[in-house]
Protein backbone atom coordinates (compact mmCIF):
# COMPACT_ATOMS: atom_id res chain seq x y z
CA MET A 1 27.33 8.19 -15.45
CA ARG A 2 30.09 5.78 -14.63
CA SER A 3 33.25 5.99 -16.64
CA PRO A 4 34.01 3.06 -18.97
CA LEU A 5 37.64 3.30 -17.88
CA HIS A 6 38.52 0.53 -15.45
CA LEU A 7 40.12 1.86 -12.26
CA ARG A 8 42.12 -0.64 -10.26
CA SER A 9 41.69 0.07 -6.56
CA LEU A 10 44.84 0.14 -4.48
CA SER A 11 45.26 -0.51 -0.82
CA THR A 12 48.30 -0.27 1.38
CA GLN A 13 49.37 -1.03 4.89
CA ASP A 14 51.98 1.73 4.77
CA ASN A 15 50.88 5.04 6.25
CA HIS A 16 53.39 6.89 4.10
CA TYR A 17 51.45 7.22 0.90
CA GLU A 18 54.25 7.77 -1.60
CA ASP A 19 55.59 4.25 -1.10
CA PHE A 20 52.53 2.24 -2.13
CA ASN A 21 52.58 0.14 -5.29
CA TYR A 22 56.18 0.79 -6.14
CA ASP A 23 59.42 -0.59 -4.85
CA HIS A 24 60.33 0.78 -1.44
CA HIS A 25 64.03 1.09 -2.23
CA ARG A 26 63.94 2.25 -5.83
CA HIS A 27 60.65 4.20 -5.65
CA LEU A 28 59.79 3.02 -9.13
CA PRO A 29 56.36 1.71 -10.17
CA ARG A 30 56.05 -1.93 -11.04
CA ARG A 31 54.70 -1.01 -14.46
CA LYS A 32 56.16 -0.36 -17.86
CA SER A 33 57.39 3.24 -17.91
CA TYR A 34 56.29 5.81 -20.48
CA SER A 35 59.05 7.44 -22.47
CA SER A 36 57.09 9.80 -24.71
CA LEU A 37 56.11 13.40 -24.08
CA SER A 38 52.52 13.65 -25.18
CA ILE A 39 49.14 15.28 -24.73
CA SER A 40 46.29 12.82 -24.82
CA PRO A 41 42.69 13.59 -25.78
CA PRO A 42 40.36 13.31 -22.78
CA ALA A 43 37.45 11.55 -24.45
CA GLN A 44 37.45 8.55 -22.12
CA TYR A 45 37.31 10.52 -18.86
CA ASN A 46 34.32 11.86 -16.99
CA TYR A 47 33.11 12.41 -13.48
CA SER A 48 30.55 10.74 -11.27
CA SER A 49 28.34 12.17 -8.56
CA ASP A 50 27.65 8.78 -7.06
CA PRO A 51 29.08 8.94 -3.53
CA SER A 52 29.24 5.17 -3.26
CA SER A 53 31.78 5.04 -6.10
CA HIS A 54 34.07 6.69 -4.76
CA GLY A 55 71.07 28.86 14.24
CA SER A 56 72.41 29.35 10.69
CA SER A 57 73.32 26.55 8.40
CA PRO A 58 76.84 26.53 6.96
CA TRP A 59 75.17 26.17 3.57
CA SER A 60 73.36 29.49 4.01
CA GLN A 61 76.39 31.74 3.67
CA HIS A 62 76.22 31.61 -0.11
CA SER A 63 74.41 29.68 -2.80
CA PRO A 64 76.14 26.33 -3.40
CA TYR A 65 74.77 26.16 -6.94
CA VAL A 66 75.77 27.45 -10.33
CA ARG A 67 73.64 27.19 -13.44
CA SER A 68 72.44 23.62 -13.69
CA PRO A 69 73.73 21.70 -16.70
CA TRP A 70 70.67 19.47 -16.36
CA ALA A 71 68.14 22.18 -17.23
CA HIS A 72 66.46 21.31 -20.53
CA HIS A 73 64.28 23.65 -22.54
CA PRO A 74 62.71 22.13 -25.65
CA HIS A 75 62.18 25.56 -27.22
CA GLU A 76 65.61 27.12 -26.71
CA ASP A 77 67.57 28.90 -29.39
CA HIS A 78 70.70 26.75 -29.70
CA ASP A 79 72.89 29.70 -30.71
CA ASP A 80 72.81 31.57 -27.42
CA GLY A 81 70.67 29.46 -25.08
CA ARG A 82 67.90 32.05 -24.83
CA LEU A 83 64.27 31.12 -25.03
CA ARG A 84 62.67 31.86 -28.35
CA GLY A 85 59.87 34.35 -28.74
CA LYS A 86 56.51 33.77 -27.11
CA SER A 87 55.01 32.65 -30.40
CA ALA A 88 57.43 29.70 -30.48
CA LEU A 89 56.10 28.24 -27.25
CA PRO A 90 53.09 25.92 -27.50
CA LYS A 91 49.70 27.23 -26.38
CA GLN A 92 49.25 24.01 -24.42
CA GLY A 93 51.65 21.27 -23.47
CA LEU A 94 55.22 20.83 -22.31
CA ILE A 95 57.37 23.98 -22.37
CA GLY A 96 60.39 22.89 -20.31
CA SER A 97 62.05 20.38 -18.00
CA LEU A 98 64.31 20.84 -14.99
CA LEU A 99 66.51 17.83 -14.35
CA ARG A 100 69.07 17.18 -11.66
CA GLU A 101 70.44 13.93 -10.30
CA GLU A 102 69.48 14.76 -6.71
CA GLY A 103 66.80 12.21 -6.05
CA HIS A 104 63.03 12.04 -6.11
CA VAL A 105 61.18 15.38 -6.14
CA TYR A 106 58.79 15.48 -3.17
CA SER A 107 57.65 19.11 -2.95
CA LEU A 108 57.09 22.26 -5.01
CA ALA A 109 56.11 25.85 -4.23
CA VAL A 110 55.64 28.90 -6.46
CA SER A 111 56.03 32.50 -5.30
CA GLY A 112 55.99 35.21 -7.94
CA ASP A 113 58.47 34.22 -10.63
CA LEU A 114 60.38 31.84 -8.35
CA LEU A 115 59.92 28.07 -8.19
CA TYR A 116 61.12 26.11 -5.14
CA THR A 117 61.77 22.38 -5.45
CA GLY A 118 62.48 19.96 -2.60
CA SER A 119 63.89 16.46 -2.90
CA GLU A 120 65.34 13.54 -0.99
CA SER A 121 68.79 15.13 -1.39
CA LYS A 122 67.87 17.58 1.44
CA ASN A 123 68.41 20.40 -1.07
CA VAL A 124 65.92 23.14 -1.87
CA ARG A 125 66.61 24.51 -5.32
CA VAL A 126 65.28 27.87 -6.48
CA TRP A 127 64.51 28.46 -10.16
CA LYS A 128 63.63 31.63 -12.06
CA ASN A 129 62.32 31.58 -15.62
CA MET A 130 63.34 27.91 -15.88
CA ARG A 131 66.92 28.81 -14.92
CA ASP A 132 68.97 27.96 -11.84
CA PHE A 133 68.61 30.96 -9.50
CA SER A 134 69.73 29.87 -6.04
CA GLY A 135 69.49 27.08 -3.50
CA PHE A 136 70.08 26.04 0.08
CA LYS A 137 70.65 22.83 1.97
CA SER A 138 69.50 21.50 5.32
CA SER A 139 70.65 18.47 7.24
CA SER A 140 67.05 17.73 8.25
CA GLY A 141 66.17 14.91 5.90
CA PHE A 142 64.01 14.74 2.79
CA VAL A 143 62.19 17.99 1.97
CA LYS A 144 58.55 16.86 2.19
CA ALA A 145 56.78 20.24 2.08
CA ILE A 146 57.52 23.86 1.12
CA VAL A 147 55.43 27.00 1.68
CA VAL A 148 56.43 30.61 1.05
CA LEU A 149 55.30 33.86 2.69
CA GLY A 150 57.00 36.96 1.36
CA GLU A 151 60.75 36.55 1.81
CA LYS A 152 60.31 33.67 4.27
CA VAL A 153 60.43 30.05 3.16
CA PHE A 154 59.22 27.23 5.43
CA THR A 155 60.42 23.69 4.75
CA GLY A 156 59.05 20.51 6.35
CA HIS A 157 61.36 17.53 6.61
CA GLN A 158 61.39 13.77 6.96
CA ASP A 159 62.90 13.97 10.46
CA GLY A 160 59.99 16.04 11.82
CA LYS A 161 61.72 19.42 11.71
CA ILE A 162 60.42 22.66 10.21
CA ARG A 163 63.10 25.07 9.03
CA VAL A 164 62.61 28.79 8.38
CA TRP A 165 64.68 30.58 5.72
CA ARG A 166 64.89 34.17 4.52
CA PHE A 167 65.98 35.55 1.16
CA LEU A 168 68.56 38.29 1.73
CA GLY A 169 68.21 39.87 -1.71
CA ASP A 170 71.95 40.26 -2.14
CA LYS A 171 73.99 39.75 -5.29
CA LYS A 172 74.81 36.20 -4.22
CA LYS A 173 71.08 35.41 -4.02
CA THR A 174 71.58 34.04 -0.52
CA TYR A 175 69.01 32.24 1.61
CA ASN A 176 69.85 32.15 5.33
CA ARG A 177 68.28 29.81 7.85
CA ILE A 178 66.79 32.11 10.50
CA GLY A 179 65.08 29.61 12.76
CA ASN A 180 63.19 26.40 13.43
CA LEU A 181 59.68 25.49 14.50
CA PRO A 182 59.64 25.19 17.41
CA GLU A 183 62.49 27.50 18.33
CA THR A 184 65.15 25.90 20.51
CA ARG A 185 64.50 28.33 23.36
CA ASP A 186 60.77 27.64 23.39
CA LEU A 187 61.37 23.89 23.24
CA LEU A 188 63.74 24.00 26.21
CA MET A 189 61.36 26.11 28.29
CA ARG A 190 58.46 23.76 27.69
CA SER A 191 60.63 20.71 28.33
CA VAL A 192 61.00 21.70 32.00
CA ASN A 193 57.33 21.10 32.79
CA PRO A 194 56.23 17.41 32.68
CA ARG A 195 52.70 18.52 31.74
CA ASN A 196 54.02 19.63 28.35
CA TYR A 197 54.88 16.05 27.39
CA VAL A 198 52.69 13.62 25.49
CA LYS A 199 53.05 9.90 24.97
CA VAL A 200 53.90 8.71 21.49
CA ARG A 201 54.65 5.31 20.02
CA ARG A 202 56.92 2.87 21.84
CA LYS A 203 55.97 4.61 25.11
CA ARG A 204 58.16 7.60 24.36
CA CYS A 205 57.31 11.01 25.77
CA VAL A 206 58.00 14.17 23.77
CA PRO A 207 57.03 17.86 24.14
CA TRP A 208 53.69 18.50 22.46
CA VAL A 209 55.07 21.46 20.49
CA LYS A 210 57.34 19.22 18.42
CA HIS A 211 56.58 16.81 15.59
CA TYR A 212 58.24 13.46 16.20
CA ASP A 213 57.67 12.07 12.70
CA ALA A 214 57.89 13.41 9.15
CA VAL A 215 56.27 16.79 8.42
CA SER A 216 54.28 15.85 5.34
CA CYS A 217 52.28 19.02 4.63
CA MET A 218 51.95 22.71 5.48
CA SER A 219 49.58 25.56 4.67
CA ILE A 220 49.55 29.28 5.53
CA ASP A 221 46.65 31.50 6.61
CA VAL A 222 48.02 34.84 5.44
CA GLU A 223 45.29 36.99 7.03
CA GLN A 224 45.67 35.41 10.47
CA GLY A 225 49.44 35.00 10.28
CA LEU A 226 49.20 31.27 11.04
CA LEU A 227 51.11 28.27 9.73
CA TYR A 228 49.53 24.80 9.84
CA SER A 229 51.71 21.69 9.76
CA GLY A 230 50.58 18.09 9.40
CA SER A 231 52.71 15.09 10.23
CA TRP A 232 52.92 11.33 10.08
CA ASP A 233 52.69 11.56 13.89
CA LYS A 234 48.91 12.06 13.28
CA THR A 235 48.86 15.62 14.65
CA LEU A 236 47.98 19.01 13.21
CA LYS A 237 49.95 21.87 14.74
CA VAL A 238 49.15 25.58 14.57
CA TRP A 239 52.02 28.10 14.62
CA ARG A 240 51.99 31.89 14.98
CA ILE A 241 54.41 33.09 12.34
CA SER A 242 55.29 36.41 14.00
CA ASP A 243 57.02 34.80 17.00
CA SER A 244 57.31 31.13 15.89
CA LYS A 245 55.12 29.95 18.78
CA CYS A 246 53.17 26.71 18.63
CA LEU A 247 49.65 27.70 19.67
CA GLU A 248 47.93 24.35 19.42
CA SER A 249 48.51 20.67 18.73
CA ILE A 250 45.52 18.61 17.61
CA ASN A 251 45.30 14.83 17.54
CA ALA A 252 43.58 15.13 14.20
CA HIS A 253 43.50 11.61 12.75
CA ASP A 254 44.01 7.93 13.48
CA ASP A 255 46.83 7.67 10.94
CA ALA A 256 49.41 9.82 9.17
CA LEU A 257 48.35 13.26 7.91
CA ASN A 258 49.06 13.66 4.22
CA SER A 259 47.55 17.07 3.47
CA VAL A 260 46.29 20.27 5.09
CA VAL A 261 44.76 23.30 3.35
CA VAL A 262 43.54 26.65 4.65
CA ALA A 263 40.15 27.31 3.09
CA PHE A 264 37.28 29.79 3.26
CA ASP A 265 35.10 30.98 6.16
CA GLY A 266 37.76 30.17 8.75
CA LEU A 267 37.85 26.49 7.76
CA VAL A 268 40.90 24.23 7.61
CA PHE A 269 40.73 20.80 5.95
CA THR A 270 42.93 17.79 6.68
CA GLY A 271 43.34 14.52 4.79
CA SER A 272 44.89 11.36 6.19
CA ALA A 273 46.00 7.82 5.50
CA ASP A 274 43.07 6.77 7.68
CA GLY A 275 40.83 7.52 4.68
CA LYS A 276 39.16 10.57 6.24
CA VAL A 277 38.79 14.22 5.28
CA LYS A 278 38.00 16.47 8.23
CA ALA A 279 36.85 20.08 8.45
CA TRP A 280 38.08 22.27 11.32
CA ARG A 281 36.92 25.76 12.26
CA ARG A 282 39.04 28.40 13.94
CA GLU A 283 37.25 29.89 16.96
CA LEU A 284 38.19 32.34 19.68
CA VAL A 285 37.95 30.79 23.15
CA GLY A 286 38.72 33.46 25.71
CA LYS A 287 41.96 35.01 24.52
CA ARG A 288 43.08 31.85 22.77
CA THR A 289 42.47 30.56 19.28
CA LYS A 290 41.16 27.00 19.19
CA HIS A 291 40.24 24.74 16.30
CA MET A 292 37.08 22.68 16.59
CA LEU A 293 36.11 19.69 14.48
CA VAL A 294 33.11 20.68 12.36
CA GLU A 295 32.48 17.50 10.39
CA THR A 296 34.10 14.50 8.77
CA LEU A 297 33.48 14.79 5.04
CA LEU A 298 34.84 11.46 3.92
CA LYS A 299 35.37 8.00 5.39
CA LYS A 300 36.83 5.36 3.10
CA GLU A 301 39.23 2.45 3.11
CA HIS A 302 41.74 4.13 0.82
CA ALA A 303 44.23 6.75 1.99
CA VAL A 304 43.52 10.42 1.29
CA THR A 305 46.74 11.67 -0.27
CA SER A 306 46.13 15.32 -1.15
CA LEU A 307 43.74 18.26 -0.84
CA ALA A 308 43.20 21.46 -2.82
CA VAL A 309 40.74 24.35 -2.51
CA ASN A 310 39.00 26.51 -5.12
CA HIS A 311 38.39 29.63 -3.02
CA ALA A 312 36.24 31.42 -5.59
CA ALA A 313 33.84 28.48 -5.91
CA ALA A 314 34.15 27.45 -2.23
CA ALA A 315 34.99 23.92 -3.35
CA LEU A 316 37.29 21.26 -1.88
CA TYR A 317 39.05 18.49 -3.83
CA ALA A 318 40.57 15.35 -2.31
CA GLY A 319 42.78 12.85 -4.12
CA SER A 320 43.03 9.30 -2.83
CA SER A 321 44.91 6.07 -3.34
CA ASP A 322 42.03 4.45 -5.26
CA GLY A 323 42.68 6.80 -8.19
CA LEU A 324 39.70 9.09 -7.57
CA VAL A 325 39.33 12.81 -6.84
CA SER A 326 36.33 13.53 -4.61
CA PHE A 327 34.92 17.05 -4.30
CA TRP A 328 32.56 19.09 -2.14
CA GLU A 329 30.99 22.53 -2.48
CA ARG A 330 29.98 25.01 0.18
CA GLU A 331 26.21 25.23 0.72
CA LYS A 332 25.04 27.55 3.48
CA SER A 333 26.58 26.24 6.70
CA SER A 334 27.98 22.92 5.48
CA MET A 335 29.90 21.22 2.71
CA SER A 336 27.82 19.33 0.14
CA TYR A 337 29.24 16.27 -1.61
CA GLY A 338 29.57 16.85 -5.36
CA GLY A 339 30.92 13.59 -6.75
CA VAL A 340 34.18 12.09 -7.98
CA LEU A 341 36.49 12.72 -10.92
CA ARG A 342 37.67 9.53 -12.62
CA GLY A 343 40.72 9.65 -14.86
CA HIS A 344 43.61 7.70 -13.38
CA LYS A 345 44.54 4.04 -13.42
CA LEU A 346 46.57 4.26 -10.21
CA ALA A 347 46.60 6.34 -7.04
CA VAL A 348 46.22 10.11 -7.11
CA LEU A 349 49.25 11.55 -5.29
CA CYS A 350 48.66 15.30 -5.65
CA VAL A 351 45.92 17.79 -6.47
CA ALA A 352 46.16 21.50 -7.35
CA VAL A 353 43.76 24.26 -8.43
CA GLY A 354 44.26 27.16 -10.83
CA GLY A 355 41.21 29.30 -11.59
CA ASN A 356 38.48 26.98 -12.86
CA LEU A 357 40.98 24.18 -13.50
CA VAL A 358 41.66 21.21 -11.24
CA LEU A 359 44.82 19.17 -11.76
CA SER A 360 45.52 15.69 -10.44
CA GLY A 361 48.89 13.92 -10.57
CA SER A 362 49.09 10.17 -10.23
CA ALA A 363 51.25 7.12 -9.73
CA ASP A 364 50.28 6.23 -13.31
CA LYS A 365 52.71 9.03 -14.36
CA THR A 366 50.03 11.28 -15.87
CA ILE A 367 48.38 14.59 -14.99
CA CYS A 368 44.66 15.05 -15.63
CA VAL A 369 43.46 18.62 -16.16
CA TRP A 370 39.79 19.11 -15.30
CA ARG A 371 37.66 22.17 -16.09
CA ARG A 372 34.97 23.20 -13.62
CA ASP A 373 32.01 24.87 -15.32
CA VAL A 374 29.72 27.45 -13.74
CA GLY A 375 27.14 24.84 -12.78
CA GLY A 376 29.69 22.72 -10.97
CA GLU A 377 30.07 20.19 -13.80
CA HIS A 378 33.61 18.90 -14.45
CA ALA A 379 35.21 17.69 -17.67
CA CYS A 380 38.73 16.44 -18.34
CA VAL A 381 40.14 18.74 -21.03
CA VAL A 382 43.63 17.27 -21.36
CA VAL A 383 45.85 14.49 -20.03
CA LEU A 384 49.55 15.38 -19.75
CA SER A 385 52.03 12.53 -19.98
CA GLY A 386 55.80 12.51 -20.14
CA HIS A 387 57.11 11.71 -16.69
CA GLY A 388 58.97 8.44 -16.25
CA GLY A 389 57.76 7.97 -12.69
CA PRO A 390 54.83 8.80 -10.39
CA VAL A 391 53.81 12.47 -10.31
CA LYS A 392 54.36 13.39 -6.66
CA CYS A 393 53.63 17.13 -6.47
CA LEU A 394 52.05 19.97 -8.43
CA ALA A 395 52.17 23.77 -8.33
CA VAL A 396 50.20 26.22 -10.48
CA LYS A 397 50.49 29.91 -11.31
CA LYS A 398 48.71 32.19 -13.77
CA ASP A 399 50.42 32.65 -17.12
CA THR A 400 51.03 36.38 -17.59
CA SER A 401 52.99 36.02 -20.84
CA THR A 402 49.91 35.93 -23.08
CA GLU A 403 47.14 38.43 -23.76
CA GLU A 404 44.43 35.92 -24.63
CA GLU A 405 40.94 36.41 -23.22
CA GLU A 406 40.85 32.94 -21.69
CA GLU A 407 43.17 32.38 -18.74
CA ASN A 408 46.22 30.21 -19.25
CA TRP A 409 48.14 28.57 -16.44
CA ILE A 410 51.70 27.40 -15.93
CA VAL A 411 51.84 24.01 -14.22
CA TYR A 412 54.91 22.59 -12.49
CA SER A 413 55.01 18.85 -11.84
CA GLY A 414 57.57 17.04 -9.68
CA SER A 415 58.12 13.33 -10.06
CA LEU A 416 59.91 10.35 -8.62
CA ASP A 417 61.77 10.25 -11.95
CA LYS A 418 63.92 13.05 -10.42
CA SER A 419 62.62 15.75 -12.77
CA VAL A 420 60.35 18.79 -12.74
CA LYS A 421 58.37 19.51 -15.88
CA ILE A 422 56.72 22.79 -16.86
CA TRP A 423 53.46 22.83 -18.81
CA ARG A 424 51.10 25.46 -20.19
CA VAL A 425 47.40 24.63 -19.95
CA SER A 426 44.06 26.36 -20.42
CA GLY A 427 40.42 25.45 -20.05
CA ARG A 428 40.05 24.75 -23.75
CA PRO A 429 39.71 21.07 -24.67
CA ILE A 430 42.37 19.45 -26.87
CA SER A 431 41.08 18.04 -30.15
CA SER A 432 41.50 14.30 -30.54
CA LYS A 433 42.33 14.72 -34.23
């Protein structure tokens, strides 16, 4: 059934998806901003299965940060600044905000009880229990992507560089930069041989192991020890984490890559500004690992902005600039199209999965929380609003602070309003009363 909510389709000539429909210089939507913090009932949202509708940095010696005066916790005890008891926190809704005048928030990552936030300031801030914990700075441009593996943190930047950092675990909570991808030595060795060069725009030639445009997305295959990086240079690169070697560079799309996710059964999915979602399979060819194109799941006029995977259900979700979230489910040897989730008035900029919940953040400044039922049906259980700008990135982790039978999740949302908000959500619908 089609949703009665009117969705205004968006199109853009800009490959870089975060710039569409708002001012290039101010990064603010050309719409009236919302100022309230609210939870909206989801009665007007549904989903459709109609496919037609759809070296070491000088900053690394010690943490340059002290406790942020911009951290705001709506449920703090004003006497000593401590959080109140668990019963004082809402079962669903906003539980905190992290604010800092450092620019638009482009990337988030959660590892254990640590939250990493990246922004246009070139800073990566580290938070623990909604408090300033540590931070580090790179001179490599906006922080477009962050992934974490153990004590290693990988950051992708606007200038095409990937930095590698390690947490030292000392009293100063120091993060040291321990390398780059590719490493300088490997880059120099490959630069000697002309066969290692590829032609890029404006007839330039660069080594194939290096991204020459913004690194927009990354994903880690923990079992295989591989890091995947996608770039606005239209390539997908595969890195071996143990020795920082670039194993493969794939001309994956006809336009900028916006998202890459490691999935199930040896599959890797990529989404691009060319409107396509592609499935790649890792195969062993001789002694080398190669990635082969399995199928193209989606071809549309609107840019694919984000991807997320539900591993337990073997399902893939793709957000796009027309405000829709498309999804597929694994059936035998292929992916079967499931339909679209409709809930946003403007482009979907980010998608995340937590258990049976799917979350979509949008340029309309809201976050839709969808529940996936056993039969594959989806329903929007809550709409989170409160950001003053487009919701650019999402991260989810399981809430371990409650003992309720039904799983609760902590959601972190980063926005172009320069803030990160923290929410608690569950699969239970919110009453409209």
